[in-house]
Amino acid sequence: MTMVKMMSSTSIHYVMLAGILFIFSYRFYHENVIMKEKKRGVKSVYQS
């Protein structure tokens, strides 16, 4: 019974870690895309 409880708690921890990693990677990717778009916008402004 204790083994099952430990397994469930560790799986919950893994799910939480995976969710946090996913959120961080998503935000990092989103910010990178925004930065690229901003740089592209600056380049287009300079070109025009």
C-alpha atoms as a PDB file:
ATOM      1  CA  MET A   1       0.000   0.000   0.000  1.00  0.00           C
ATOM      2  CA  THR A   2       2.813   2.386   0.862  1.00  0.00           C
ATOM      3  CA  MET A   3       4.484   1.546  -2.453  1.00  0.00           C
ATOM      4  CA  VAL A   4       1.315   2.505  -4.326  1.00  0.00           C
ATOM      5  CA  LYS A   5       1.101   5.770  -2.390  1.00  0.00           C
ATOM      6  CA  MET A   6       4.745   6.549  -3.155  1.00  0.00           C
ATOM      7  CA  MET A   7       4.234   5.736  -6.826  1.00  0.00           C
ATOM      8  CA  SER A   8       1.182   7.993  -7.057  1.00  0.00           C
ATOM      9  CA  SER A   9       2.951  10.855  -5.272  1.00  0.00           C
ATOM     10  CA  THR A  10       6.027  10.550  -7.502  1.00  0.00           C
ATOM     11  CA  SER A  11       3.854  10.433 -10.615  1.00  0.00           C
ATOM     12  CA  ILE A  12       2.072  13.597  -9.451  1.00  0.00           C
ATOM     13  CA  HIS A  13       5.461  15.234  -8.919  1.00  0.00           C
ATOM     14  CA  TYR A  14       6.531  14.192 -12.412  1.00  0.00           C
ATOM     15  CA  VAL A  15       3.321  15.599 -13.890  1.00  0.00           C
ATOM     16  CA  MET A  16       3.871  18.882 -12.033  1.00  0.00           C
ATOM     17  CA  LEU A  17       7.492  19.059 -13.218  1.00  0.00           C
ATOM     18  CA  ALA A  18       6.438  18.313 -16.788  1.00  0.00           C
ATOM     19  CA  GLY A  19       3.763  21.010 -16.630  1.00  0.00           C
ATOM     20  CA  ILE A  20       6.194  23.597 -15.248  1.00  0.00           C
ATOM     21  CA  LEU A  21       8.787  22.708 -17.901  1.00  0.00           C
ATOM     22  CA  PHE A  22       6.132  22.926 -20.616  1.00  0.00           C
ATOM     23  CA  ILE A  23       4.966  26.348 -19.399  1.00  0.00           C
ATOM     24  CA  PHE A  24       8.542  27.667 -19.203  1.00  0.00           C
ATOM     25  CA  SER A  25       9.471  26.343 -22.649  1.00  0.00           C
ATOM     26  CA  TYR A  26       6.224  27.710 -24.127  1.00  0.00           C
ATOM     27  CA  ARG A  27       6.804  31.169 -22.647  1.00  0.00           C
ATOM     28  CA  PHE A  28      10.459  31.134 -23.759  1.00  0.00           C
ATOM     29  CA  TYR A  29       9.437  30.141 -27.296  1.00  0.00           C
ATOM     30  CA  HIS A  30       6.674  32.763 -27.335  1.00  0.00           C
ATOM     31  CA  GLU A  31       9.073  35.518 -26.213  1.00  0.00           C
ATOM     32  CA  ASN A  32      11.618  34.457 -28.850  1.00  0.00           C
ATOM     33  CA  VAL A  33       8.950  34.667 -31.558  1.00  0.00           C
ATOM     34  CA  ILE A  34       7.898  38.121 -30.338  1.00  0.00           C
ATOM     35  CA  MET A  35      11.537  39.290 -30.332  1.00  0.00           C
ATOM     36  CA  LYS A  36      12.033  37.997 -33.879  1.00  0.00           C
ATOM     37  CA  GLU A  37       8.854  39.747 -35.016  1.00  0.00           C
ATOM     38  CA  LYS A  38       9.991  42.989 -33.342  1.00  0.00           C
ATOM     39  CA  LYS A  39      13.406  42.764 -35.022  1.00  0.00           C
ATOM     40  CA  ARG A  40      11.713  42.069 -38.352  1.00  0.00           C
ATOM     41  CA  GLY A  41       9.447  45.080 -37.799  1.00  0.00           C
ATOM     42  CA  VAL A  42      12.463  47.284 -37.023  1.00  0.00           C
ATOM     43  CA  LYS A  43      14.209  46.020 -40.160  1.00  0.00           C
ATOM     44  CA  SER A  44      11.152  46.762 -42.300  1.00  0.00           C
ATOM     45  CA  VAL A  45      10.937  50.256 -40.789  1.00  0.00           C
ATOM     46  CA  TYR A  46      14.594  50.899 -41.594  1.00  0.00           C
ATOM     47  CA  GLN A  47      14.173  49.552 -45.133  1.00  0.00           C
ATOM     48  CA  SER A  48      11.168  51.786 -45.805  1.00  0.00           C
END
